[in-house]
Amino acid sequence: MSTSDRGAMRVAFQGEPGAFSEAAAIQLLGDAITTVPRATFDAAFRAINEQAADAQLAPVENTLAGSVVRV
């Protein structure tokens, strides 16, 4: 099933609604996306495997968590 079959692209991010990462996702991908907030970076990365999101937006660095590097 493609994203167009489901509707808007779902984009996971770490944080609460209104967080900087959510604003960045909307600015980068447009208002038509559906944002998927997750409590932790690990949960945000898992969202794609769990089919809760089509894409994931993560910063390179976070002021509270430090580096957010994933290999």
PDB file of N, CA and C in Angstrom:
ATOM      1  N   MET A   1       0.858  -1.192   0.000  1.00  0.00           N
ATOM      2  CA  MET A   1       0.000   0.000   0.000  1.00  0.00           C
ATOM      3  C   MET A   1       0.890   1.238   0.000  1.00  0.00           C
ATOM      4  N   SER A   2       0.665   2.143  -0.894  1.00  0.00           N
ATOM      5  CA  SER A   2       1.467   3.364  -0.963  1.00  0.00           C
ATOM      6  C   SER A   2       0.908   4.426  -0.026  1.00  0.00           C
ATOM      7  N   THR A   3       1.731   5.445   0.206  1.00  0.00           N
ATOM      8  CA  THR A   3       1.294   6.560   1.060  1.00  0.00           C
ATOM      9  C   THR A   3       0.037   7.210   0.516  1.00  0.00           C
ATOM     10  N   SER A   4      -0.063   7.314  -0.810  1.00  0.00           N
ATOM     11  CA  SER A   4      -1.246   7.959  -1.395  1.00  0.00           C
ATOM     12  C   SER A   4      -2.513   7.145  -1.153  1.00  0.00           C
ATOM     13  N   ASP A   5      -2.375   5.820  -0.989  1.00  0.00           N
ATOM     14  CA  ASP A   5      -3.537   4.984  -0.676  1.00  0.00           C
ATOM     15  C   ASP A   5      -4.054   5.254   0.734  1.00  0.00           C
ATOM     16  N   ARG A   6      -3.150   5.595   1.649  1.00  0.00           N
ATOM     17  CA  ARG A   6      -3.510   5.826   3.047  1.00  0.00           C
ATOM     18  C   ARG A   6      -3.877   7.270   3.324  1.00  0.00           C
ATOM     19  N   GLY A   7      -3.424   8.178   2.476  1.00  0.00           N
ATOM     20  CA  GLY A   7      -3.622   9.596   2.730  1.00  0.00           C
ATOM     21  C   GLY A   7      -2.285  10.271   2.939  1.00  0.00           C
ATOM     22  N   ALA A   8      -2.199  11.163   3.907  1.00  0.00           N
ATOM     23  CA  ALA A   8      -0.998  11.964   4.136  1.00  0.00           C
ATOM     24  C   ALA A   8       0.179  11.114   4.602  1.00  0.00           C
ATOM     25  N   MET A   9       1.388  11.534   4.214  1.00  0.00           N
ATOM     26  CA  MET A   9       2.593  10.885   4.712  1.00  0.00           C
ATOM     27  C   MET A   9       2.661  11.071   6.224  1.00  0.00           C
ATOM     28  N   ARG A  10       2.957   9.995   6.939  1.00  0.00           N
ATOM     29  CA  ARG A  10       3.081  10.041   8.399  1.00  0.00           C
ATOM     30  C   ARG A  10       4.560  10.150   8.756  1.00  0.00           C
ATOM     31  N   VAL A  11       4.904  11.191   9.529  1.00  0.00           N
ATOM     32  CA  VAL A  11       6.292  11.463   9.869  1.00  0.00           C
ATOM     33  C   VAL A  11       6.458  11.429  11.386  1.00  0.00           C
ATOM     34  N   ALA A  12       7.276  10.485  11.859  1.00  0.00           N
ATOM     35  CA  ALA A  12       7.541  10.366  13.291  1.00  0.00           C
ATOM     36  C   ALA A  12       8.623  11.354  13.712  1.00  0.00           C
ATOM     37  N   PHE A  13       8.525  11.823  14.943  1.00  0.00           N
ATOM     38  CA  PHE A  13       9.552  12.694  15.524  1.00  0.00           C
ATOM     39  C   PHE A  13       9.545  12.490  17.029  1.00  0.00           C
ATOM     40  N   GLN A  14      10.660  12.821  17.680  1.00  0.00           N
ATOM     41  CA  GLN A  14      10.729  12.732  19.132  1.00  0.00           C
ATOM     42  C   GLN A  14      10.230  14.034  19.713  1.00  0.00           C
ATOM     43  N   GLY A  15       9.279  13.945  20.613  1.00  0.00           N
ATOM     44  CA  GLY A  15       8.786  15.137  21.288  1.00  0.00           C
ATOM     45  C   GLY A  15       7.268  15.171  21.330  1.00  0.00           C
ATOM     46  N   GLU A  16       6.794  16.237  21.921  1.00  0.00           N
ATOM     47  CA  GLU A  16       5.367  16.486  22.056  1.00  0.00           C
ATOM     48  C   GLU A  16       4.878  17.302  20.861  1.00  0.00           C
ATOM     49  N   PRO A  17       3.569  17.279  20.597  1.00  0.00           N
ATOM     50  CA  PRO A  17       3.045  18.173  19.561  1.00  0.00           C
ATOM     51  C   PRO A  17       3.474  19.617  19.849  1.00  0.00           C
ATOM     52  N   GLY A  18       3.936  20.294  18.820  1.00  0.00           N
ATOM     53  CA  GLY A  18       4.417  21.662  18.973  1.00  0.00           C
ATOM     54  C   GLY A  18       5.926  21.757  19.150  1.00  0.00           C
ATOM     55  N   ALA A  19       6.608  20.606  19.257  1.00  0.00           N
ATOM     56  CA  ALA A  19       8.059  20.595  19.423  1.00  0.00           C
ATOM     57  C   ALA A  19       8.748  21.130  18.165  1.00  0.00           C
ATOM     58  N   PHE A  20       9.990  21.554  18.324  1.00  0.00           N
ATOM     59  CA  PHE A  20      10.759  22.078  17.193  1.00  0.00           C
ATOM     60  C   PHE A  20      10.837  21.051  16.063  1.00  0.00           C
ATOM     61  N   SER A  21      11.023  19.779  16.390  1.00  0.00           N
ATOM     62  CA  SER A  21      11.126  18.747  15.343  1.00  0.00           C
ATOM     63  C   SER A  21       9.835  18.636  14.539  1.00  0.00           C
ATOM     64  N   GLU A  22       8.697  18.810  15.186  1.00  0.00           N
ATOM     65  CA  GLU A  22       7.432  18.784  14.454  1.00  0.00           C
ATOM     66  C   GLU A  22       7.353  19.986  13.504  1.00  0.00           C
ATOM     67  N   ALA A  23       7.731  21.159  14.003  1.00  0.00           N
ATOM     68  CA  ALA A  23       7.720  22.361  13.156  1.00  0.00           C
ATOM     69  C   ALA A  23       8.676  22.195  11.978  1.00  0.00           C
ATOM     70  N   ALA A  24       9.835  21.583  12.225  1.00  0.00           N
ATOM     71  CA  ALA A  24      10.809  21.362  11.156  1.00  0.00           C
ATOM     72  C   ALA A  24      10.248  20.409  10.103  1.00  0.00           C
ATOM     73  N   ALA A  25       9.569  19.348  10.541  1.00  0.00           N
ATOM     74  CA  ALA A  25       8.984  18.391   9.591  1.00  0.00           C
ATOM     75  C   ALA A  25       7.943  19.071   8.708  1.00  0.00           C
ATOM     76  N   ILE A  26       7.106  19.892   9.312  1.00  0.00           N
ATOM     77  CA  ILE A  26       6.066  20.597   8.548  1.00  0.00           C
ATOM     78  C   ILE A  26       6.695  21.597   7.587  1.00  0.00           C
ATOM     79  N   GLN A  27       7.736  22.310   8.044  1.00  0.00           N
ATOM     80  CA  GLN A  27       8.402  23.279   7.175  1.00  0.00           C
ATOM     81  C   GLN A  27       9.088  22.567   6.006  1.00  0.00           C
ATOM     82  N   LEU A  28       9.696  21.421   6.271  1.00  0.00           N
ATOM     83  CA  LEU A  28      10.420  20.690   5.232  1.00  0.00           C
ATOM     84  C   LEU A  28       9.487  19.975   4.255  1.00  0.00           C
ATOM     85  N   LEU A  29       8.422  19.348   4.784  1.00  0.00           N
ATOM     86  CA  LEU A  29       7.581  18.471   3.961  1.00  0.00           C
ATOM     87  C   LEU A  29       6.192  19.018   3.651  1.00  0.00           C
ATOM     88  N   GLY A  30       5.801  20.108   4.297  1.00  0.00           N
ATOM     89  CA  GLY A  30       4.516  20.734   3.999  1.00  0.00           C
ATOM     90  C   GLY A  30       3.414  20.378   4.984  1.00  0.00           C
ATOM     91  N   ASP A  31       2.341  21.135   4.923  1.00  0.00           N
ATOM     92  CA  ASP A  31       1.207  20.989   5.844  1.00  0.00           C
ATOM     93  C   ASP A  31       0.409  19.713   5.635  1.00  0.00           C
ATOM     94  N   ALA A  32       0.598  19.041   4.510  1.00  0.00           N
ATOM     95  CA  ALA A  32      -0.212  17.859   4.205  1.00  0.00           C
ATOM     96  C   ALA A  32       0.229  16.617   4.959  1.00  0.00           C
ATOM     97  N   ILE A  33       1.374  16.668   5.659  1.00  0.00           N
ATOM     98  CA  ILE A  33       1.833  15.483   6.396  1.00  0.00           C
ATOM     99  C   ILE A  33       1.034  15.299   7.682  1.00  0.00           C
ATOM    100  N   THR A  34       1.081  14.087   8.199  1.00  0.00           N
ATOM    101  CA  THR A  34       0.549  13.785   9.525  1.00  0.00           C
ATOM    102  C   THR A  34       1.738  13.517  10.422  1.00  0.00           C
ATOM    103  N   THR A  35       1.874  14.280  11.495  1.00  0.00           N
ATOM    104  CA  THR A  35       3.005  14.066  12.393  1.00  0.00           C
ATOM    105  C   THR A  35       2.666  13.007  13.424  1.00  0.00           C
ATOM    106  N   VAL A  36       3.693  12.250  13.812  1.00  0.00           N
ATOM    107  CA  VAL A  36       3.541  11.128  14.746  1.00  0.00           C
ATOM    108  C   VAL A  36       4.512  11.352  15.902  1.00  0.00           C
ATOM    109  N   PRO A  37       4.078  12.014  16.963  1.00  0.00           N
ATOM    110  CA  PRO A  37       4.974  12.281  18.088  1.00  0.00           C
ATOM    111  C   PRO A  37       5.317  10.995  18.850  1.00  0.00           C
ATOM    112  N   ARG A  38       6.558  10.898  19.310  1.00  0.00           N
ATOM    113  CA  ARG A  38       7.016   9.759  20.101  1.00  0.00           C
ATOM    114  C   ARG A  38       7.786  10.281  21.307  1.00  0.00           C
ATOM    115  N   ALA A  39       7.697   9.594  22.420  1.00  0.00           N
ATOM    116  CA  ALA A  39       8.286  10.048  23.682  1.00  0.00           C
ATOM    117  C   ALA A  39       9.817  10.005  23.684  1.00  0.00           C
ATOM    118  N   THR A  40      10.418   9.062  22.967  1.00  0.00           N
ATOM    119  CA  THR A  40      11.869   8.917  22.962  1.00  0.00           C
ATOM    120  C   THR A  40      12.381   8.825  21.525  1.00  0.00           C
ATOM    121  N   PHE A  41      13.693   9.024  21.369  1.00  0.00           N
ATOM    122  CA  PHE A  41      14.284   8.858  20.036  1.00  0.00           C
ATOM    123  C   PHE A  41      14.165   7.413  19.577  1.00  0.00           C
ATOM    124  N   ASP A  42      14.392   6.457  20.475  1.00  0.00           N
ATOM    125  CA  ASP A  42      14.251   5.046  20.094  1.00  0.00           C
ATOM    126  C   ASP A  42      12.843   4.748  19.591  1.00  0.00           C
ATOM    127  N   ALA A  43      11.840   5.279  20.266  1.00  0.00           N
ATOM    128  CA  ALA A  43      10.450   5.057  19.836  1.00  0.00           C
ATOM    129  C   ALA A  43      10.185   5.701  18.479  1.00  0.00           C
ATOM    130  N   ALA A  44      10.788   6.856  18.239  1.00  0.00           N
ATOM    131  CA  ALA A  44      10.617   7.524  16.941  1.00  0.00           C
ATOM    132  C   ALA A  44      11.251   6.691  15.834  1.00  0.00           C
ATOM    133  N   PHE A  45      12.432   6.123  16.086  1.00  0.00           N
ATOM    134  CA  PHE A  45      13.080   5.285  15.079  1.00  0.00           C
ATOM    135  C   PHE A  45      12.294   3.990  14.847  1.00  0.00           C
ATOM    136  N   ARG A  46      11.693   3.435  15.894  1.00  0.00           N
ATOM    137  CA  ARG A  46      10.899   2.198  15.758  1.00  0.00           C
ATOM    138  C   ARG A  46       9.590   2.417  15.014  1.00  0.00           C
ATOM    139  N   ALA A  47       9.105   3.629  14.953  1.00  0.00           N
ATOM    140  CA  ALA A  47       7.792   3.916  14.368  1.00  0.00           C
ATOM    141  C   ALA A  47       7.663   3.409  12.934  1.00  0.00           C
ATOM    142  N   ILE A  48       8.740   3.432  12.177  1.00  0.00           N
ATOM    143  CA  ILE A  48       8.674   2.945  10.791  1.00  0.00           C
ATOM    144  C   ILE A  48       8.519   1.429  10.777  1.00  0.00           C
ATOM    145  N   ASN A  49       9.339   0.711  11.555  1.00  0.00           N
ATOM    146  CA  ASN A  49       9.221  -0.753  11.606  1.00  0.00           C
ATOM    147  C   ASN A  49       7.860  -1.198  12.124  1.00  0.00           C
ATOM    148  N   GLU A  50       7.287  -0.421  13.010  1.00  0.00           N
ATOM    149  CA  GLU A  50       5.966  -0.736  13.574  1.00  0.00           C
ATOM    150  C   GLU A  50       4.833  -0.286  12.661  1.00  0.00           C
ATOM    151  N   GLN A  51       5.171   0.283  11.509  1.00  0.00           N
ATOM    152  CA  GLN A  51       4.226   0.791  10.515  1.00  0.00           C
ATOM    153  C   GLN A  51       3.321   1.895  11.064  1.00  0.00           C
ATOM    154  N   ALA A  52       3.836   2.616  12.069  1.00  0.00           N
ATOM    155  CA  ALA A  52       3.105   3.763  12.610  1.00  0.00           C
ATOM    156  C   ALA A  52       3.465   5.038  11.863  1.00  0.00           C
ATOM    157  N   ALA A  53       4.554   4.980  11.067  1.00  0.00           N
ATOM    158  CA  ALA A  53       5.002   6.147  10.305  1.00  0.00           C
ATOM    159  C   ALA A  53       5.630   5.689   8.995  1.00  0.00           C
ATOM    160  N   ASP A  54       5.615   6.591   8.022  1.00  0.00           N
ATOM    161  CA  ASP A  54       6.229   6.335   6.725  1.00  0.00           C
ATOM    162  C   ASP A  54       7.654   6.865   6.665  1.00  0.00           C
ATOM    163  N   ALA A  55       7.954   7.854   7.496  1.00  0.00           N
ATOM    164  CA  ALA A  55       9.267   8.487   7.528  1.00  0.00           C
ATOM    165  C   ALA A  55       9.528   8.955   8.951  1.00  0.00           C
ATOM    166  N   GLN A  56      10.783   9.314   9.203  1.00  0.00           N
ATOM    167  CA  GLN A  56      11.149   9.771  10.537  1.00  0.00           C
ATOM    168  C   GLN A  56      12.080  10.962  10.407  1.00  0.00           C
ATOM    169  N   LEU A  57      11.847  11.993  11.181  1.00  0.00           N
ATOM    170  CA  LEU A  57      12.704  13.160  11.192  1.00  0.00           C
ATOM    171  C   LEU A  57      13.400  13.211  12.545  1.00  0.00           C
ATOM    172  N   ALA A  58      14.752  13.251  12.519  1.00  0.00           N
ATOM    173  CA  ALA A  58      15.523  13.332  13.764  1.00  0.00           C
ATOM    174  C   ALA A  58      16.631  14.360  13.597  1.00  0.00           C
ATOM    175  N   PRO A  59      16.888  15.126  14.623  1.00  0.00           N
ATOM    176  CA  PRO A  59      17.990  16.082  14.558  1.00  0.00           C
ATOM    177  C   PRO A  59      19.329  15.337  14.636  1.00  0.00           C
ATOM    178  N   VAL A  60      20.374  16.002  14.219  1.00  0.00           N
ATOM    179  CA  VAL A  60      21.714  15.424  14.359  1.00  0.00           C
ATOM    180  C   VAL A  60      22.152  15.499  15.821  1.00  0.00           C
ATOM    181  N   GLU A  61      21.716  16.563  16.506  1.00  0.00           N
ATOM    182  CA  GLU A  61      22.073  16.741  17.899  1.00  0.00           C
ATOM    183  C   GLU A  61      20.902  17.365  18.637  1.00  0.00           C
ATOM    184  N   ASN A  62      20.775  17.019  19.914  1.00  0.00           N
ATOM    185  CA  ASN A  62      19.692  17.510  20.749  1.00  0.00           C
ATOM    186  C   ASN A  62      20.302  18.121  21.999  1.00  0.00           C
ATOM    187  N   THR A  63      19.824  19.293  22.423  1.00  0.00           N
ATOM    188  CA  THR A  63      20.416  19.968  23.575  1.00  0.00           C
ATOM    189  C   THR A  63      20.271  19.169  24.868  1.00  0.00           C
ATOM    190  N   LEU A  64      19.229  18.354  24.991  1.00  0.00           N
ATOM    191  CA  LEU A  64      19.045  17.554  26.201  1.00  0.00           C
ATOM    192  C   LEU A  64      19.653  16.155  26.075  1.00  0.00           C
ATOM    193  N   ALA A  65      19.505  15.513  24.923  1.00  0.00           N
ATOM    194  CA  ALA A  65      19.949  14.129  24.757  1.00  0.00           C
ATOM    195  C   ALA A  65      21.350  14.015  24.173  1.00  0.00           C
ATOM    196  N   GLY A  66      21.912  15.114  23.665  1.00  0.00           N
ATOM    197  CA  GLY A  66      23.227  15.057  23.030  1.00  0.00           C
ATOM    198  C   GLY A  66      23.120  14.564  21.614  1.00  0.00           C
ATOM    199  N   SER A  67      24.133  13.826  21.162  1.00  0.00           N
ATOM    200  CA  SER A  67      24.164  13.309  19.802  1.00  0.00           C
ATOM    201  C   SER A  67      23.056  12.288  19.588  1.00  0.00           C
ATOM    202  N   VAL A  68      22.428  12.327  18.405  1.00  0.00           N
ATOM    203  CA  VAL A  68      21.330  11.426  18.082  1.00  0.00           C
ATOM    204  C   VAL A  68      21.744  10.552  16.895  1.00  0.00           C
ATOM    205  N   VAL A  69      23.006  10.170  16.835  1.00  0.00           N
ATOM    206  CA  VAL A  69      23.547   9.393  15.724  1.00  0.00           C
ATOM    207  C   VAL A  69      23.034   7.967  15.781  1.00  0.00           C
ATOM    208  N   ARG A  70      22.549   7.460  14.633  1.00  0.00           N
ATOM    209  CA  ARG A  70      22.113   6.070  14.484  1.00  0.00           C
ATOM    210  C   ARG A  70      22.868   5.487  13.309  1.00  0.00           C
ATOM    211  N   VAL A  71      23.362   4.294  13.461  1.00  0.00           N
ATOM    212  CA  VAL A  71      24.094   3.642  12.375  1.00  0.00           C
ATOM    213  C   VAL A  71      23.236   2.568  11.775  1.00  0.00           C
TER     214      VAL A  71
END
